[in-house]
Amino acid sequence: MVTAPVEVLVANAGTDRFLHLVAEAATGEIVGTITGVDHVAVFDDPDNGASLWCLTVDFNHAPPGTGQALLTELATRLTERGRSFVDLSVLAENSGAVRLYERLGFCRTATLCVKRKNPINERLFLPAMPHGYDRLNPYAKIVADEAMRRGIRVEVTDPAWGELRLTSGGRTVLTRESLSELTSAVAMSRCDDKRVTRRILTEAGLSVPCGRTATGDSDDVAFLDEVGPVVVKPARGEQGNGITVGVRDAEALAAAVELARRFCPEVLMEELRGGEDLRVVVIDHEVVAAAVRRPAQVTGDGVHDIAGLIERQSRRRAAATGGESRIPVDEMTRDVVAEAGYEMHDVLPEGTVLTVRRTANLHTGGTIHDVTGELHPEIAEACVAASRALDIPVTGLDLLVPSPARPEHVFIEANERPGLANHEPQPTADRFVDLLFPGTRAPRRLWSPSGAAGAAA
């Protein structure tokens, strides 16, 4: 789907041609929406029909059954208008969507529909999807979609690895999700080892937390005594594996170092800094997207225990991310719940929000919230400086900030393969393909640190 202009939606809602319904949670938050089109009002349909145009549900916060409730209410209102049916169109190969709508009461019809080609469905008019496309994860698929939209040939060379070969004219580029041949091995190694990342950013005059390489002796404890609570993490690794946040004493420090060493022999200790977990995507030394990441949370309903709430929320996150995000029920989860004063079998009071993970990693159930429009110019400038210092064309920079709208920040690490699909509707895939195939880019206006549009590129 695409983001519709607000003024268009408001104008449509003022007519009898459209029905816009929303689902509101007990907290007052909008958690779902549905749009129906009345064919009789639009084009005096002789078949007296109507269409389901768009159904969207917030997998993170909507109660189970929200989608069905929205659909039932839409059907009821259209029936009251005297409409004979509600139709919708789904790609024949989208078996998951077909099963979903059949469960909601729809049935298949042998009706021929001809759709006009437009920028949204253009890729469906291209030659058959490349072999292995359906097995790509969302982070590779978003790149393949953008490439095919531009007429760039896409070959899936390793679907499990997310690897593509893109060809346009005489130029061929191999990619793995947002990592491409344009990222040098040296730049990749600078991001791979968090100690090297820290050193390069420090030498560039950028801010990082106090830290040291763990040595497993009294010097580690001395550092802990000096800076207070620390974060212990493998010097190399990803997806939050082996990280312990908020280590406060020597015994916990030894355990945290031992855990980190299961993933990497070298371990980094850093002072614990508070604030929001901010991810900034920089492509071709230009800020493209920024988002705040928050640890996995559950909301009490007064019925289910915490373990059940985690299981339900984990299923929602997996469904929303194609299986990429789940909440593990491990020692960290149980410790976080215990620190909040609960046990896993406790029933969480209705409306109570409980954080169940220490880190905001998306693979462990964290959520992401776009703040590109709020990003402070000083943070944006620092991120561009960091990408240049690392000499990397595409990077996801992780920072801790009191607020994205304020200038204070510290860099935590740099990712050489950021997930572009996590930042929609920001044009991350668009800018990535611009970088790979500059001859296919369309004229555009650049984002500037002042928040104003820059000159056309």
Protein backbone atom coordinates (compact mmCIF):
# COMPACT_ATOMS: atom_id res chain seq x y z
CA MET A 1 0.00 0.00 0.00
CA VAL A 2 1.01 3.65 -0.30
CA THR A 3 0.44 6.61 2.00
CA ALA A 4 -2.53 8.62 0.74
CA PRO A 5 -2.62 12.43 1.06
CA VAL A 6 -4.60 13.41 4.14
CA GLU A 7 -6.65 15.98 2.25
CA VAL A 8 -7.76 13.31 -0.24
CA LEU A 9 -8.90 10.97 2.54
CA VAL A 10 -10.79 13.77 4.28
CA ALA A 11 -12.48 14.79 1.03
CA ASN A 12 -13.43 11.18 0.29
CA ALA A 13 -14.87 10.71 3.78
CA GLY A 14 -17.23 13.60 3.13
CA THR A 15 -18.98 11.74 0.31
CA ASP A 16 -21.21 8.66 0.22
CA ARG A 17 -18.77 6.90 -2.11
CA PHE A 18 -16.41 5.74 0.64
CA LEU A 19 -16.72 4.25 4.10
CA HIS A 20 -13.74 4.80 6.41
CA LEU A 21 -13.91 2.93 9.73
CA VAL A 22 -11.31 2.75 12.51
CA ALA A 23 -10.83 0.44 15.49
CA GLU A 24 -9.95 2.12 18.76
CA ALA A 25 -8.29 0.33 21.69
CA ALA A 26 -9.32 0.89 25.30
CA THR A 27 -6.35 3.27 25.56
CA GLY A 28 -7.81 5.48 22.82
CA GLU A 29 -5.10 4.43 20.36
CA ILE A 30 -6.14 3.66 16.77
CA VAL A 31 -5.21 0.01 16.12
CA GLY A 32 -6.97 -0.73 12.84
CA THR A 33 -8.69 0.77 9.82
CA ILE A 34 -10.80 -0.37 6.89
CA THR A 35 -12.04 1.38 3.75
CA GLY A 36 -14.95 0.34 1.60
CA VAL A 37 -16.06 1.66 -1.79
CA ASP A 38 -19.76 1.88 -2.72
CA HIS A 39 -19.94 0.94 -6.42
CA VAL A 40 -23.46 2.33 -6.82
CA ALA A 41 -22.45 5.76 -5.54
CA VAL A 42 -19.26 5.77 -7.63
CA PHE A 43 -20.41 4.49 -11.03
CA ASP A 44 -24.06 3.40 -10.64
CA ASP A 45 -23.05 -0.27 -10.62
CA PRO A 46 -25.79 -2.39 -12.24
CA ASP A 47 -24.68 -5.34 -10.09
CA ASN A 48 -25.33 -3.29 -6.93
CA GLY A 49 -21.94 -4.15 -5.43
CA ALA A 50 -19.22 -2.72 -3.19
CA SER A 51 -15.50 -3.33 -2.60
CA LEU A 52 -13.15 -3.75 0.31
CA TRP A 53 -10.35 -1.37 -0.62
CA CYS A 54 -7.97 -1.48 2.36
CA LEU A 55 -7.79 -3.34 5.68
CA THR A 56 -4.93 -2.59 8.06
CA VAL A 57 -4.37 -3.79 11.63
CA ASP A 58 -1.58 -2.85 14.05
CA PHE A 59 -0.09 -6.26 14.86
CA ASN A 60 1.75 -4.82 17.88
CA HIS A 61 -1.25 -3.46 19.77
CA ALA A 62 -4.53 -4.64 18.24
CA PRO A 63 -6.50 -7.30 20.16
CA PRO A 64 -7.04 -10.60 18.30
CA GLY A 65 -10.06 -10.43 16.01
CA THR A 66 -9.73 -6.71 15.24
CA GLY A 67 -9.58 -7.31 11.48
CA GLN A 68 -12.65 -9.52 11.51
CA ALA A 69 -14.57 -6.97 13.61
CA LEU A 70 -13.74 -4.18 11.15
CA LEU A 71 -14.79 -6.32 8.19
CA THR A 72 -18.04 -7.36 9.87
CA GLU A 73 -18.95 -3.75 10.63
CA LEU A 74 -18.15 -2.65 7.06
CA ALA A 75 -20.28 -5.46 5.61
CA THR A 76 -23.14 -4.53 7.97
CA ARG A 77 -23.12 -0.90 6.89
CA LEU A 78 -22.97 -1.76 3.20
CA THR A 79 -25.81 -4.25 3.65
CA GLU A 80 -27.86 -1.48 5.27
CA ARG A 81 -27.31 0.50 2.07
CA GLY A 82 -28.78 -2.42 0.14
CA ARG A 83 -25.56 -3.59 -1.50
CA SER A 84 -25.59 -7.18 -2.80
CA PHE A 85 -21.95 -8.09 -2.17
CA VAL A 86 -18.50 -6.88 -1.14
CA ASP A 87 -15.59 -7.91 -3.35
CA LEU A 88 -11.83 -7.62 -3.20
CA SER A 89 -8.87 -8.66 -5.34
CA VAL A 90 -5.91 -10.74 -4.17
CA LEU A 91 -2.99 -12.09 -6.18
CA ALA A 92 -3.74 -15.72 -6.99
CA GLU A 93 -0.30 -16.82 -5.71
CA ASN A 94 -0.76 -15.05 -2.37
CA SER A 95 -2.09 -18.19 -0.70
CA GLY A 96 -1.81 -16.74 2.81
CA ALA A 97 -4.07 -13.80 1.99
CA VAL A 98 -6.50 -16.06 0.12
CA ARG A 99 -6.84 -18.35 3.16
CA LEU A 100 -7.28 -15.36 5.46
CA TYR A 101 -10.13 -13.86 3.43
CA GLU A 102 -11.79 -17.23 3.00
CA ARG A 103 -11.81 -17.59 6.79
CA LEU A 104 -13.44 -14.15 6.97
CA GLY A 105 -16.28 -15.35 4.73
CA PHE A 106 -15.15 -14.43 1.21
CA CYS A 107 -15.37 -16.95 -1.63
CA ARG A 108 -13.59 -17.10 -4.97
CA THR A 109 -15.35 -16.03 -8.15
CA ALA A 110 -14.52 -16.66 -11.80
CA THR A 111 -14.51 -12.96 -12.64
CA LEU A 112 -11.99 -11.48 -15.07
CA CYS A 113 -10.48 -8.21 -13.81
CA VAL A 114 -8.22 -5.97 -15.88
CA LYS A 115 -6.11 -3.50 -13.93
CA ARG A 116 -4.37 -0.52 -15.43
CA LYS A 117 -0.60 -0.36 -15.01
CA ASN A 118 0.59 2.26 -12.50
CA PRO A 119 3.67 2.87 -10.33
CA ILE A 120 2.21 0.75 -7.53
CA ASN A 121 1.51 -2.42 -9.51
CA GLU A 122 4.12 -1.95 -12.25
CA ARG A 123 6.24 -4.88 -11.10
CA LEU A 124 3.29 -7.21 -11.67
CA PHE A 125 3.39 -6.34 -15.39
CA LEU A 126 7.07 -7.27 -15.71
CA PRO A 127 8.13 -10.77 -16.82
CA ALA A 128 7.60 -13.62 -14.37
CA MET A 129 9.10 -13.17 -10.91
CA PRO A 130 12.66 -14.46 -10.66
CA HIS A 131 13.06 -17.99 -9.37
CA GLY A 132 13.43 -17.93 -5.58
CA TYR A 133 11.76 -14.52 -5.15
CA ASP A 134 9.04 -15.95 -2.91
CA ARG A 135 11.71 -17.27 -0.50
CA LEU A 136 13.43 -13.91 0.03
CA ASN A 137 13.20 -12.27 3.44
CA PRO A 138 11.63 -8.78 3.66
CA TYR A 139 15.05 -7.07 3.68
CA ALA A 140 16.06 -8.56 0.32
CA LYS A 141 12.57 -8.46 -1.18
CA ILE A 142 12.27 -4.68 -0.76
CA VAL A 143 15.46 -4.26 -2.83
CA ALA A 144 14.25 -6.71 -5.50
CA ASP A 145 10.90 -4.91 -5.72
CA GLU A 146 12.50 -1.50 -6.20
CA ALA A 147 14.91 -2.85 -8.81
CA MET A 148 12.12 -4.54 -10.79
CA ARG A 149 10.02 -1.39 -10.57
CA ARG A 150 12.80 0.40 -12.46
CA GLY A 151 13.17 -2.36 -15.04
CA ILE A 152 16.44 -3.62 -13.57
CA ARG A 153 16.94 -7.36 -14.12
CA VAL A 154 16.86 -9.30 -10.84
CA GLU A 155 18.38 -12.74 -10.38
CA VAL A 156 17.98 -14.43 -6.99
CA THR A 157 21.33 -16.13 -6.53
CA ASP A 158 20.75 -17.36 -2.96
CA PRO A 159 17.27 -16.80 -1.48
CA ALA A 160 18.15 -18.08 2.00
CA TRP A 161 21.08 -15.65 2.14
CA GLY A 162 19.08 -12.77 0.64
CA GLU A 163 21.57 -12.51 -2.23
CA LEU A 164 20.64 -10.88 -5.56
CA ARG A 165 22.39 -10.14 -8.83
CA LEU A 166 21.06 -6.89 -10.31
CA THR A 167 21.75 -5.96 -13.93
CA SER A 168 20.96 -2.83 -15.91
CA GLY A 169 22.62 -2.24 -19.26
CA GLY A 170 26.25 -3.28 -18.92
CA ARG A 171 26.35 -2.86 -15.11
CA THR A 172 25.92 -5.77 -12.69
CA VAL A 173 25.97 -5.50 -8.90
CA LEU A 174 25.77 -8.32 -6.36
CA THR A 175 23.88 -7.54 -3.16
CA ARG A 176 22.95 -9.22 0.07
CA GLU A 177 19.99 -7.25 1.41
CA SER A 178 21.47 -3.72 1.87
CA LEU A 179 25.07 -4.91 1.64
CA SER A 180 26.63 -4.61 -1.81
CA GLU A 181 29.93 -4.81 -3.61
CA LEU A 182 30.21 -1.05 -3.11
CA THR A 183 30.96 -1.63 0.59
CA SER A 184 34.65 -2.49 0.82
CA ALA A 185 35.98 -5.31 2.98
CA VAL A 186 37.85 -2.71 5.05
CA ALA A 187 34.69 -0.67 5.71
CA MET A 188 32.81 -3.83 6.60
CA SER A 189 35.51 -4.88 9.08
CA ARG A 190 35.39 -1.44 10.70
CA CYS A 191 31.71 -2.01 11.52
CA ASP A 192 32.15 -5.69 12.36
CA ASP A 193 34.40 -5.02 15.37
CA LYS A 194 32.74 -2.59 17.78
CA ARG A 195 36.13 -1.67 19.29
CA VAL A 196 37.38 -0.53 15.90
CA THR A 197 34.16 1.39 15.29
CA ARG A 198 34.62 3.20 18.62
CA ARG A 199 38.23 4.10 17.84
CA ILE A 200 37.46 5.49 14.38
CA LEU A 201 34.50 7.55 15.57
CA THR A 202 36.49 8.89 18.53
CA GLU A 203 39.36 9.93 16.24
CA ALA A 204 36.79 11.72 14.06
CA GLY A 205 35.74 13.78 17.08
CA LEU A 206 32.41 12.00 17.54
CA SER A 207 30.90 11.04 20.88
CA VAL A 208 30.96 7.44 22.21
CA PRO A 209 30.45 6.07 25.76
CA CYS A 210 33.46 5.34 27.95
CA GLY A 211 34.59 1.78 27.34
CA ARG A 212 37.33 -0.80 27.42
CA THR A 213 38.09 -4.33 26.29
CA ALA A 214 37.34 -6.76 29.11
CA THR A 215 40.43 -8.51 30.47
CA GLY A 216 38.73 -10.73 33.04
CA ASP A 217 40.71 -9.33 35.98
CA SER A 218 40.54 -6.61 38.63
CA ASP A 219 40.84 -3.88 35.98
CA ASP A 220 37.33 -4.77 34.78
CA VAL A 221 35.96 -4.28 38.29
CA ALA A 222 37.91 -1.03 38.65
CA PHE A 223 36.29 0.28 35.45
CA LEU A 224 32.87 -0.76 36.76
CA ASP A 225 33.54 1.10 40.03
CA GLU A 226 34.65 4.18 38.10
CA VAL A 227 31.79 4.57 35.59
CA GLY A 228 28.91 2.79 37.35
CA PRO A 229 26.55 0.36 35.60
CA VAL A 230 27.88 -0.99 32.30
CA VAL A 231 26.82 -2.80 29.14
CA VAL A 232 28.80 -5.93 28.31
CA LYS A 233 28.74 -7.21 24.73
CA PRO A 234 30.75 -9.28 22.26
CA ALA A 235 33.15 -7.11 20.25
CA ARG A 236 31.79 -8.83 17.14
CA GLY A 237 28.25 -10.04 16.61
CA GLU A 238 24.73 -8.98 15.71
CA GLN A 239 21.03 -9.28 16.60
CA GLY A 240 21.74 -8.55 20.28
CA ASN A 241 23.34 -11.94 20.95
CA GLY A 242 25.41 -12.11 24.14
CA ILE A 243 24.63 -8.57 25.33
CA THR A 244 23.97 -7.85 29.03
CA VAL A 245 22.63 -4.40 29.96
CA GLY A 246 22.89 -2.82 33.42
CA VAL A 247 25.71 -4.84 35.04
CA ARG A 248 26.24 -3.38 38.53
CA ASP A 249 28.54 -5.65 40.55
CA ALA A 250 31.59 -7.88 40.15
CA GLU A 251 29.65 -11.15 40.22
CA ALA A 252 27.22 -10.02 37.52
CA LEU A 253 30.15 -8.66 35.50
CA ALA A 254 31.93 -12.02 35.48
CA ALA A 255 28.73 -13.76 34.34
CA ALA A 256 28.12 -11.16 31.63
CA VAL A 257 31.68 -11.47 30.28
CA GLU A 258 31.36 -15.26 30.22
CA LEU A 259 28.08 -14.99 28.28
CA ALA A 260 29.55 -12.54 25.76
CA ARG A 261 32.57 -14.81 25.17
CA ARG A 262 30.27 -17.57 23.98
CA PHE A 263 29.72 -15.41 20.88
CA CYS A 264 33.15 -13.75 20.55
CA PRO A 265 36.46 -14.16 22.43
CA GLU A 266 36.88 -10.37 22.67
CA VAL A 267 34.41 -8.58 24.92
CA LEU A 268 33.63 -4.87 25.17
CA MET A 269 32.55 -3.05 28.33
CA GLU A 270 30.82 0.34 28.01
CA GLU A 271 29.30 2.70 30.52
CA LEU A 272 25.51 2.45 30.58
CA ARG A 273 23.98 5.55 29.02
CA GLY A 274 20.28 6.23 29.24
CA GLY A 275 17.96 7.46 26.53
CA GLU A 276 16.10 6.35 23.44
CA ASP A 277 17.63 3.74 21.13
CA LEU A 278 17.93 5.59 17.79
CA ARG A 279 18.77 3.98 14.43
CA VAL A 280 19.79 6.33 11.61
CA VAL A 281 20.19 4.97 8.07
CA VAL A 282 22.78 6.80 5.97
CA ILE A 283 23.06 5.99 2.25
CA ASP A 284 25.67 7.63 0.03
CA HIS A 285 26.57 9.89 2.99
CA GLU A 286 23.03 11.22 3.21
CA VAL A 287 20.53 10.67 6.02
CA VAL A 288 17.57 8.73 4.59
CA ALA A 289 15.67 7.51 7.65
CA ALA A 290 15.68 7.65 11.43
CA ALA A 291 13.67 5.59 13.87
CA VAL A 292 13.45 4.98 17.60
CA ARG A 293 13.58 1.33 18.57
CA ARG A 294 11.88 0.16 21.75
CA PRO A 295 12.21 -3.15 23.60
CA ALA A 296 9.43 -5.71 23.40
CA GLN A 297 6.42 -4.85 25.55
CA VAL A 298 3.13 -6.48 26.43
CA THR A 299 -0.10 -4.85 27.57
CA GLY A 300 -2.20 -6.46 30.27
CA ASP A 301 -5.80 -7.44 29.62
CA GLY A 302 -6.65 -8.62 33.14
CA VAL A 303 -7.21 -12.15 31.83
CA HIS A 304 -4.00 -13.69 30.48
CA ASP A 305 -0.81 -14.22 32.48
CA ILE A 306 2.45 -12.58 31.40
CA ALA A 307 3.73 -15.75 29.73
CA GLY A 308 0.56 -15.92 27.64
CA LEU A 309 0.74 -12.24 26.74
CA ILE A 310 4.35 -12.67 25.59
CA GLU A 311 3.38 -15.66 23.45
CA ARG A 312 0.51 -13.74 21.82
CA GLN A 313 2.63 -10.65 21.21
CA SER A 314 5.43 -12.81 19.80
CA ARG A 315 3.00 -14.35 17.31
CA ARG A 316 1.85 -10.88 16.24
CA ARG A 317 5.44 -9.67 15.76
CA ALA A 318 6.28 -12.79 13.74
CA ALA A 319 3.21 -12.31 11.55
CA ALA A 320 4.00 -8.63 11.01
CA THR A 321 7.64 -9.27 10.05
CA GLY A 322 7.47 -12.48 8.07
CA GLY A 323 8.90 -14.45 11.00
CA GLU A 324 11.87 -12.11 11.48
CA SER A 325 10.82 -10.87 14.95
CA ARG A 326 9.90 -13.00 17.96
CA ILE A 327 10.13 -12.53 21.72
CA PRO A 328 12.31 -15.24 23.25
CA VAL A 329 11.27 -16.52 26.67
CA ASP A 330 14.75 -16.92 28.16
CA GLU A 331 16.65 -15.94 31.27
CA MET A 332 16.80 -12.27 30.22
CA THR A 333 13.04 -12.10 29.71
CA ARG A 334 12.36 -13.72 33.06
CA ASP A 335 14.88 -11.39 34.79
CA VAL A 336 13.31 -8.26 33.28
CA VAL A 337 9.83 -9.39 34.34
CA ALA A 338 11.12 -10.15 37.86
CA GLU A 339 12.82 -6.74 38.12
CA ALA A 340 9.44 -5.13 37.40
CA GLY A 341 7.97 -7.02 40.39
CA TYR A 342 6.14 -9.76 38.51
CA GLU A 343 6.40 -13.47 37.80
CA MET A 344 5.64 -15.09 34.47
CA HIS A 345 2.41 -16.67 35.73
CA ASP A 346 1.04 -13.37 37.10
CA VAL A 347 -1.99 -11.84 35.37
CA LEU A 348 -1.07 -8.33 34.26
CA PRO A 349 -3.76 -5.75 35.13
CA GLU A 350 -5.73 -4.40 32.19
CA GLY A 351 -3.95 -1.51 30.46
CA THR A 352 -0.64 -2.05 32.27
CA VAL A 353 2.31 -1.92 29.86
CA LEU A 354 5.27 -4.13 30.79
CA THR A 355 8.67 -4.09 29.08
CA VAL A 356 9.96 -7.67 28.82
CA ARG A 357 13.38 -7.22 27.15
CA ARG A 358 16.35 -4.97 27.96
CA THR A 359 17.46 -4.36 24.39
CA ALA A 360 15.41 -2.95 21.53
CA ASN A 361 16.64 -5.43 18.94
CA LEU A 362 13.95 -6.06 16.34
CA HIS A 363 14.77 -9.77 16.10
CA THR A 364 13.80 -10.20 19.78
CA GLY A 365 10.41 -8.50 19.50
CA GLY A 366 11.42 -4.84 19.58
CA THR A 367 9.35 -2.29 17.71
CA ILE A 368 10.45 0.60 15.51
CA HIS A 369 8.89 4.07 15.24
CA ASP A 370 9.78 6.54 12.49
CA VAL A 371 11.23 9.88 13.67
CA THR A 372 12.90 11.05 10.46
CA GLY A 373 10.99 14.32 10.47
CA GLU A 374 12.00 15.02 14.09
CA LEU A 375 15.73 14.35 13.77
CA HIS A 376 17.90 17.17 15.14
CA PRO A 377 20.30 18.68 12.56
CA GLU A 378 23.34 18.09 14.80
CA ILE A 379 22.56 14.36 15.02
CA ALA A 380 22.09 14.19 11.25
CA GLU A 381 25.41 15.96 10.65
CA ALA A 382 27.19 13.65 13.11
CA CYS A 383 25.78 10.57 11.35
CA VAL A 384 27.00 11.78 7.97
CA ALA A 385 30.42 12.45 9.53
CA ALA A 386 30.42 8.92 10.98
CA SER A 387 29.64 7.34 7.60
CA ARG A 388 32.49 9.30 6.03
CA ALA A 389 34.91 8.36 8.82
CA LEU A 390 34.04 4.69 8.35
CA ASP A 391 34.14 5.22 4.57
CA ILE A 392 31.00 3.14 4.13
CA PRO A 393 28.30 3.86 1.53
CA VAL A 394 25.39 2.25 3.43
CA THR A 395 25.19 2.01 7.21
CA GLY A 396 22.73 1.86 10.06
CA LEU A 397 24.13 3.88 12.97
CA ASP A 398 22.90 3.13 16.49
CA LEU A 399 22.86 5.97 19.00
CA LEU A 400 21.46 6.72 22.43
CA VAL A 401 19.67 10.05 22.68
CA PRO A 402 17.45 11.78 25.25
CA SER A 403 15.20 12.65 22.31
CA PRO A 404 15.67 12.55 18.52
CA ALA A 405 14.71 16.23 18.50
CA ARG A 406 17.58 17.20 20.83
CA PRO A 407 21.28 17.44 19.87
CA GLU A 408 22.77 15.27 22.67
CA HIS A 409 23.85 11.80 21.54
CA VAL A 410 26.44 9.03 21.77
CA PHE A 411 27.23 6.45 19.08
CA ILE A 412 26.93 2.81 20.13
CA GLU A 413 27.76 0.92 16.94
CA ALA A 414 27.51 0.86 13.15
CA ASN A 415 25.77 -1.81 11.07
CA GLU A 416 27.04 -2.51 7.57
CA ARG A 417 23.76 -4.23 6.54
CA PRO A 418 20.83 -2.25 7.98
CA GLY A 419 17.32 -3.60 7.40
CA LEU A 420 15.81 -1.23 4.85
CA ALA A 421 12.33 -2.73 5.20
CA ASN A 422 12.16 -1.58 8.83
CA HIS A 423 11.92 2.09 7.81
CA GLU A 424 8.98 2.25 5.44
CA PRO A 425 7.56 4.63 4.27
CA GLN A 426 10.98 6.34 4.13
CA PRO A 427 12.58 5.75 0.69
CA THR A 428 15.42 3.51 1.87
CA ALA A 429 15.23 0.98 -0.98
CA ASP A 430 14.80 3.80 -3.48
CA ARG A 431 18.00 5.52 -2.30
CA PHE A 432 19.87 2.21 -2.15
CA VAL A 433 19.09 1.43 -5.78
CA ASP A 434 19.97 5.05 -6.64
CA LEU A 435 23.42 4.31 -5.21
CA LEU A 436 23.80 1.06 -7.15
CA PHE A 437 22.41 2.35 -10.45
CA PRO A 438 22.61 6.16 -10.49
CA GLY A 439 21.49 6.24 -14.12
CA THR A 440 18.02 5.00 -13.08
CA ARG A 441 17.37 7.59 -10.39
CA ALA A 442 14.62 10.15 -10.85
CA PRO A 443 15.09 13.85 -10.04
CA ARG A 444 14.33 14.46 -6.39
CA ARG A 445 14.70 16.95 -3.58
CA LEU A 446 17.24 16.21 -0.90
CA TRP A 447 16.63 16.18 2.84
CA SER A 448 18.78 18.80 4.52
CA PRO A 449 19.84 18.97 8.21
CA SER A 450 17.83 22.17 8.62
CA GLY A 451 14.69 20.16 7.89
CA ALA A 452 14.04 22.08 4.67
CA ALA A 453 14.13 20.58 1.20
CA GLY A 454 17.37 21.05 -0.65
CA ALA A 455 18.07 21.47 -4.32
CA ALA A 456 16.96 18.93 -6.88
CA ALA A 457 19.44 16.10 -7.38
